[in-house]
Amino acid sequence: MRAVGFSNLTDRQEQQRLITDIILNASHRSYTSNGKETLLAEFCEDFAKDIGIAVCGEFDEKDKFTYDYYYPYLRGTGVSSCEDVSVERHADKESYAGVCDDIKVGVSLIFYLQNMVPYVKAQYENTLPIRGTTLTLSGLSLKGNIILPIRKNERQKQKVQKASINRNQLIDAARKGDEDAIETLTLEDMDTYTSISKKILSEDVFSLVDTYFMPYGVECDQYSVMGEILDMSLRVNKITEEEIYVMRLSCNDLQFDVCINKQDLYGEPQVGRRFKGIVWLQGYINYPAG
């Protein structure tokens, strides 16, 4: 909640009043049947552009709504991945986690599914799997730092981009069982490890590592990231008037938006600089039209 501008929302009664207000005055409403005698409902209210809170619950046969849970969100922009996504229900409530194996990152992306209503509807109508979907990722952060970029000329940038494309092709081939690709990747990793082990003795780690994206802690949808800022804006929560930075990052060629409360960010974000922090990863599955 702090990441979307509600840093002082600690009182239980204030939370209930906010939840009630969202249910009554939601700007976005979604409904679907889950195959039982109930109707799932999700009420979303934006408190800044693309930033808000979603309240989820269900209506019974008497049209009485029972609140189940709520979560803050940032609606991402653009397409982060075109790889296939699998979805699993959380054990404790009617919410869902998505998994995407994108070769650019090197790890399985596990995220909190924002648009669970279309998925539940497709599941109830037995139309899964749906082909041609894309994924839009976003992240909420409670603490972050701004780091200066690594200076690179145009030739170095092209060299890095070419190496990234070649590595992605090798990873794709290795996933299909190509033994030569597996051997090449293993040798490259060994060379990289040897090179960094020597340089780390006299150089700062953040001058060697440009970006990274790796799991953090025991929560499967939390990640430690460092990425180049491609775009940024400052938005204001219309209720609390707290300022929120929204940055579009590039981490290992994966692009996604991150929001953070201004008071939790150390440093001044600018395009070209890097953001380093912990994010709660969310995702929105874009289903094909029709």
Protein backbone atom coordinates (compact mmCIF):
# COMPACT_ATOMS: atom_id res chain seq x y z
CA MET A 1 0.00 0.00 0.00
CA ARG A 2 2.90 2.32 0.72
CA ALA A 3 4.14 1.99 -2.86
CA VAL A 4 0.86 3.42 -4.25
CA GLY A 5 0.79 6.39 -1.85
CA PHE A 6 -0.89 5.07 1.30
CA SER A 7 2.10 5.12 3.66
CA ASN A 8 -0.01 6.26 6.65
CA LEU A 9 -2.87 3.78 6.18
CA THR A 10 -2.39 1.73 9.36
CA ASP A 11 -5.72 2.02 11.16
CA ARG A 12 -8.11 -0.92 10.54
CA GLN A 13 -11.19 1.35 10.44
CA GLU A 14 -9.57 3.62 7.84
CA GLN A 15 -8.80 0.56 5.71
CA GLN A 16 -12.42 -0.60 5.90
CA ARG A 17 -13.70 2.86 4.94
CA LEU A 18 -11.33 2.92 1.96
CA ILE A 19 -12.43 -0.58 0.87
CA THR A 20 -16.11 0.39 1.16
CA ASP A 21 -15.49 3.54 -0.90
CA ILE A 22 -13.76 1.51 -3.63
CA ILE A 23 -16.66 -0.98 -3.80
CA LEU A 24 -19.24 1.82 -4.08
CA ASN A 25 -17.32 4.12 -6.44
CA ALA A 26 -15.08 1.80 -8.43
CA SER A 27 -13.95 3.05 -11.83
CA HIS A 28 -13.53 -0.52 -13.15
CA ARG A 29 -15.77 -3.49 -12.33
CA SER A 30 -15.36 -7.10 -13.45
CA TYR A 31 -17.65 -10.09 -12.84
CA THR A 32 -17.63 -13.75 -13.72
CA SER A 33 -19.06 -17.05 -12.54
CA ASN A 34 -16.68 -19.64 -11.13
CA GLY A 35 -19.03 -22.55 -11.73
CA LYS A 36 -20.57 -22.45 -8.27
CA GLU A 37 -23.65 -20.61 -7.05
CA THR A 38 -21.57 -17.47 -6.63
CA LEU A 39 -20.40 -14.59 -8.78
CA LEU A 40 -16.79 -13.45 -8.49
CA ALA A 41 -16.33 -9.68 -8.51
CA GLU A 42 -13.38 -7.32 -8.69
CA PHE A 43 -13.67 -3.57 -8.03
CA CYS A 44 -10.75 -1.32 -9.03
CA GLU A 45 -10.25 2.35 -8.24
CA ASP A 46 -7.37 4.44 -9.62
CA PHE A 47 -5.88 7.01 -7.21
CA ALA A 48 -3.29 8.18 -9.77
CA LYS A 49 -2.80 7.35 -13.44
CA ASP A 50 -2.68 3.52 -13.71
CA ILE A 51 -2.14 3.23 -9.92
CA GLY A 52 -4.81 2.04 -7.52
CA ILE A 53 -6.34 -0.64 -5.34
CA ALA A 54 -8.41 -3.69 -6.33
CA VAL A 55 -11.00 -5.23 -3.99
CA CYS A 56 -12.03 -8.82 -4.69
CA GLY A 57 -14.88 -10.91 -3.34
CA GLU A 58 -18.05 -12.67 -4.38
CA PHE A 59 -21.82 -12.25 -4.58
CA ASP A 60 -24.01 -15.06 -3.21
CA GLU A 61 -27.39 -16.17 -4.56
CA LYS A 62 -29.05 -13.29 -2.65
CA ASP A 63 -26.80 -10.70 -4.34
CA LYS A 64 -24.95 -10.05 -1.08
CA PHE A 65 -21.31 -9.11 -1.62
CA THR A 66 -18.69 -10.62 0.67
CA TYR A 67 -15.29 -8.93 0.66
CA ASP A 68 -12.40 -11.39 0.46
CA TYR A 69 -9.15 -9.45 -0.04
CA TYR A 70 -7.61 -6.36 -1.63
CA TYR A 71 -4.26 -5.53 -3.23
CA PRO A 72 -2.51 -2.43 -4.65
CA TYR A 73 -1.61 -2.41 -8.32
CA LEU A 74 0.28 -0.62 -11.05
CA ARG A 75 -1.00 -1.19 -14.57
CA GLY A 76 2.02 -1.66 -16.78
CA THR A 77 2.45 -0.37 -20.32
CA GLY A 78 3.72 -2.11 -23.43
CA VAL A 79 4.47 -5.81 -23.84
CA SER A 80 7.08 -7.39 -21.55
CA SER A 81 7.00 -10.92 -22.99
CA CYS A 82 5.34 -12.92 -25.76
CA GLU A 83 6.15 -16.31 -24.21
CA ASP A 84 3.42 -18.70 -23.04
CA VAL A 85 2.07 -18.16 -19.52
CA SER A 86 0.72 -20.78 -17.12
CA VAL A 87 -1.52 -19.84 -14.19
CA GLU A 88 -2.07 -21.47 -10.80
CA ARG A 89 -4.55 -20.60 -8.04
CA HIS A 90 -3.20 -19.56 -4.64
CA ALA A 91 -4.10 -22.03 -1.89
CA ASP A 92 -5.64 -19.60 0.59
CA LYS A 93 -7.90 -17.44 -1.60
CA GLU A 94 -9.36 -16.87 -5.05
CA SER A 95 -6.25 -15.21 -6.44
CA TYR A 96 -3.75 -16.46 -8.99
CA ALA A 97 -0.05 -16.58 -9.76
CA GLY A 98 1.33 -16.65 -13.29
CA VAL A 99 4.52 -18.29 -14.50
CA CYS A 100 6.39 -17.27 -17.65
CA ASP A 101 9.65 -18.83 -18.87
CA ASP A 102 11.29 -16.00 -20.77
CA ILE A 103 14.76 -16.82 -22.10
CA LYS A 104 15.89 -13.19 -21.75
CA VAL A 105 15.86 -13.37 -17.95
CA GLY A 106 17.19 -16.86 -17.32
CA VAL A 107 14.74 -17.61 -14.49
CA SER A 108 11.03 -18.47 -14.42
CA LEU A 109 9.06 -15.26 -13.93
CA ILE A 110 6.45 -15.77 -11.20
CA PHE A 111 4.01 -12.89 -10.83
CA TYR A 112 0.74 -11.94 -9.15
CA LEU A 113 -2.02 -12.04 -11.77
CA GLN A 114 -3.89 -8.72 -12.00
CA ASN A 115 -6.70 -9.68 -14.39
CA MET A 116 -7.88 -12.91 -12.77
CA VAL A 117 -11.52 -12.45 -13.91
CA PRO A 118 -10.88 -13.14 -17.65
CA TYR A 119 -8.80 -16.18 -16.70
CA VAL A 120 -11.48 -17.61 -14.39
CA LYS A 121 -14.09 -16.98 -17.09
CA ALA A 122 -12.00 -18.82 -19.70
CA GLN A 123 -11.42 -21.65 -17.22
CA TYR A 124 -15.16 -21.95 -16.50
CA GLU A 125 -15.99 -21.92 -20.25
CA ASN A 126 -13.26 -24.55 -20.85
CA THR A 127 -11.49 -22.43 -23.50
CA LEU A 128 -7.99 -22.78 -22.03
CA PRO A 129 -5.26 -22.67 -23.19
CA ILE A 130 -5.67 -19.45 -25.17
CA ARG A 131 -3.02 -18.95 -27.83
CA GLY A 132 -1.54 -15.64 -28.91
CA THR A 133 -1.42 -13.99 -25.48
CA THR A 134 1.19 -11.46 -24.42
CA LEU A 135 2.27 -10.40 -20.96
CA THR A 136 2.58 -6.92 -19.43
CA LEU A 137 4.59 -6.87 -16.21
CA SER A 138 4.79 -4.23 -13.49
CA GLY A 139 6.35 -3.99 -10.05
CA LEU A 140 5.70 -2.29 -6.72
CA SER A 141 8.72 -1.34 -4.61
CA LEU A 142 9.06 -0.19 -1.00
CA LYS A 143 12.73 0.76 -1.12
CA GLY A 144 15.12 1.62 -3.92
CA ASN A 145 18.26 3.48 -4.94
CA ILE A 146 19.28 5.38 -8.04
CA ILE A 147 22.70 4.40 -9.43
CA LEU A 148 24.68 6.13 -12.14
CA PRO A 149 24.96 4.28 -15.47
CA ILE A 150 28.01 2.53 -16.88
CA ARG A 151 29.52 4.72 -19.58
CA LYS A 152 29.36 3.00 -22.98
CA ASN A 153 29.95 4.34 -26.46
CA GLU A 154 27.79 3.37 -29.43
CA ARG A 155 30.15 0.58 -30.49
CA GLN A 156 30.08 -0.97 -27.01
CA LYS A 157 26.27 -0.77 -26.91
CA GLN A 158 26.00 -2.59 -30.25
CA LYS A 159 28.46 -5.22 -29.03
CA VAL A 160 26.41 -5.84 -25.87
CA GLN A 161 23.17 -6.04 -27.87
CA LYS A 162 24.69 -8.51 -30.33
CA ALA A 163 26.03 -10.67 -27.48
CA SER A 164 22.60 -10.65 -25.84
CA ILE A 165 20.91 -11.79 -29.07
CA ASN A 166 23.46 -14.58 -29.55
CA ARG A 167 23.05 -15.74 -25.94
CA ASN A 168 19.25 -15.81 -26.24
CA GLN A 169 19.55 -17.93 -29.38
CA LEU A 170 21.89 -20.34 -27.57
CA ILE A 171 19.54 -20.58 -24.57
CA ASP A 172 16.61 -21.29 -26.89
CA ALA A 173 18.60 -24.03 -28.62
CA ALA A 174 19.72 -25.48 -25.27
CA ARG A 175 16.10 -25.67 -24.09
CA LYS A 176 15.40 -27.80 -27.17
CA GLY A 177 18.22 -30.20 -26.28
CA ASP A 178 21.07 -28.91 -28.42
CA GLU A 179 24.20 -30.29 -26.72
CA ASP A 180 26.58 -27.93 -28.55
CA ALA A 181 24.57 -24.93 -27.30
CA ILE A 182 24.62 -26.28 -23.74
CA GLU A 183 28.39 -26.75 -23.90
CA THR A 184 28.93 -23.25 -25.36
CA LEU A 185 26.79 -21.66 -22.62
CA THR A 186 28.67 -23.58 -19.92
CA LEU A 187 32.04 -22.41 -21.24
CA GLU A 188 30.80 -18.81 -21.53
CA ASP A 189 29.57 -18.87 -17.91
CA MET A 190 32.93 -20.22 -16.74
CA ASP A 191 34.79 -17.49 -18.67
CA THR A 192 32.47 -14.82 -17.22
CA TYR A 193 32.97 -16.11 -13.69
CA THR A 194 36.78 -16.13 -14.10
CA SER A 195 36.81 -12.62 -15.58
CA ILE A 196 34.58 -11.11 -12.87
CA SER A 197 36.51 -12.87 -10.08
CA LYS A 198 39.68 -11.07 -11.23
CA LYS A 199 38.08 -7.66 -11.81
CA ILE A 200 36.09 -7.60 -8.55
CA LEU A 201 39.37 -7.27 -6.61
CA SER A 202 39.95 -3.76 -7.96
CA GLU A 203 36.59 -2.60 -9.36
CA ASP A 204 33.14 -1.91 -7.92
CA VAL A 205 30.55 -4.62 -8.61
CA PHE A 206 28.07 -2.11 -10.08
CA SER A 207 30.63 -1.06 -12.67
CA LEU A 208 30.85 -4.70 -13.79
CA VAL A 209 27.18 -5.68 -13.60
CA ASP A 210 24.99 -3.48 -15.80
CA THR A 211 21.58 -4.96 -14.93
CA TYR A 212 20.25 -8.01 -13.09
CA PHE A 213 16.95 -9.72 -12.28
CA MET A 214 16.93 -12.41 -9.60
CA PRO A 215 14.56 -13.95 -7.02
CA TYR A 216 14.52 -12.39 -3.56
CA GLY A 217 13.57 -13.92 -0.21
CA VAL A 218 11.00 -16.67 0.32
CA GLU A 219 8.14 -14.99 -1.55
CA CYS A 220 8.13 -16.44 -5.07
CA ASP A 221 6.87 -13.22 -6.74
CA GLN A 222 9.46 -10.87 -5.19
CA TYR A 223 12.65 -10.02 -7.07
CA SER A 224 15.81 -8.03 -6.59
CA VAL A 225 16.32 -5.96 -9.74
CA MET A 226 18.65 -3.39 -11.21
CA GLY A 227 17.75 -1.91 -14.55
CA GLU A 228 18.24 1.06 -16.81
CA ILE A 229 15.54 3.73 -16.60
CA LEU A 230 14.00 4.14 -20.06
CA ASP A 231 11.22 6.54 -19.03
CA MET A 232 9.90 8.06 -15.80
CA SER A 233 7.12 10.23 -14.46
CA LEU A 234 6.01 11.64 -11.10
CA ARG A 235 2.36 11.04 -10.16
CA VAL A 236 0.30 12.15 -7.16
CA ASN A 237 -2.16 10.08 -5.12
CA LYS A 238 -5.41 12.10 -5.25
CA ILE A 239 -6.41 11.03 -1.72
CA THR A 240 -3.18 11.32 0.27
CA GLU A 241 -1.34 13.69 -2.12
CA GLU A 242 1.79 11.54 -1.75
CA GLU A 243 4.10 11.57 -4.75
CA ILE A 244 4.91 8.35 -6.61
CA TYR A 245 7.66 7.73 -9.13
CA VAL A 246 6.78 5.46 -12.05
CA MET A 247 9.79 4.23 -14.01
CA ARG A 248 10.05 2.00 -17.06
CA LEU A 249 13.04 -0.30 -16.60
CA SER A 250 15.09 -2.55 -18.84
CA CYS A 251 16.52 -5.53 -16.94
CA ASN A 252 18.30 -8.20 -19.01
CA ASP A 253 16.32 -6.91 -22.05
CA LEU A 254 13.05 -7.40 -20.10
CA GLN A 255 11.05 -4.16 -19.97
CA PHE A 256 8.46 -3.39 -17.29
CA ASP A 257 7.15 -0.50 -15.16
CA VAL A 258 7.92 0.00 -11.46
CA CYS A 259 6.29 2.41 -9.00
CA ILE A 260 7.74 3.56 -5.69
CA ASN A 261 6.77 6.19 -3.12
CA LYS A 262 9.01 9.24 -3.56
CA GLN A 263 10.00 9.20 0.11
CA ASP A 264 11.27 5.58 -0.26
CA LEU A 265 13.58 6.29 -3.20
CA TYR A 266 17.16 7.38 -2.51
CA GLY A 267 18.46 9.51 -5.35
CA GLU A 268 17.04 11.43 -8.29
CA PRO A 269 15.72 9.22 -11.12
CA GLN A 270 16.54 10.26 -14.67
CA VAL A 271 16.42 8.51 -18.02
CA GLY A 272 19.70 6.65 -18.51
CA ARG A 273 20.39 6.14 -14.82
CA ARG A 274 19.75 2.82 -13.08
CA PHE A 275 17.21 1.78 -10.44
CA LYS A 276 18.15 -0.84 -7.86
CA GLY A 277 15.59 -2.27 -5.46
CA ILE A 278 13.20 -5.03 -4.42
CA VAL A 279 9.93 -5.34 -6.36
CA TRP A 280 6.69 -7.27 -5.97
CA LEU A 281 6.08 -8.48 -9.52
CA GLN A 282 2.59 -8.26 -11.00
CA GLY A 283 1.39 -9.24 -14.46
CA TYR A 284 -1.51 -8.58 -16.82
CA ILE A 285 -2.21 -11.20 -19.49
CA ASN A 286 -3.28 -9.58 -22.75
CA TYR A 287 -5.77 -11.93 -24.39
CA PRO A 288 -6.22 -11.64 -28.17
CA ALA A 289 -9.27 -9.70 -29.34
CA GLY A 290 -12.26 -11.86 -30.18
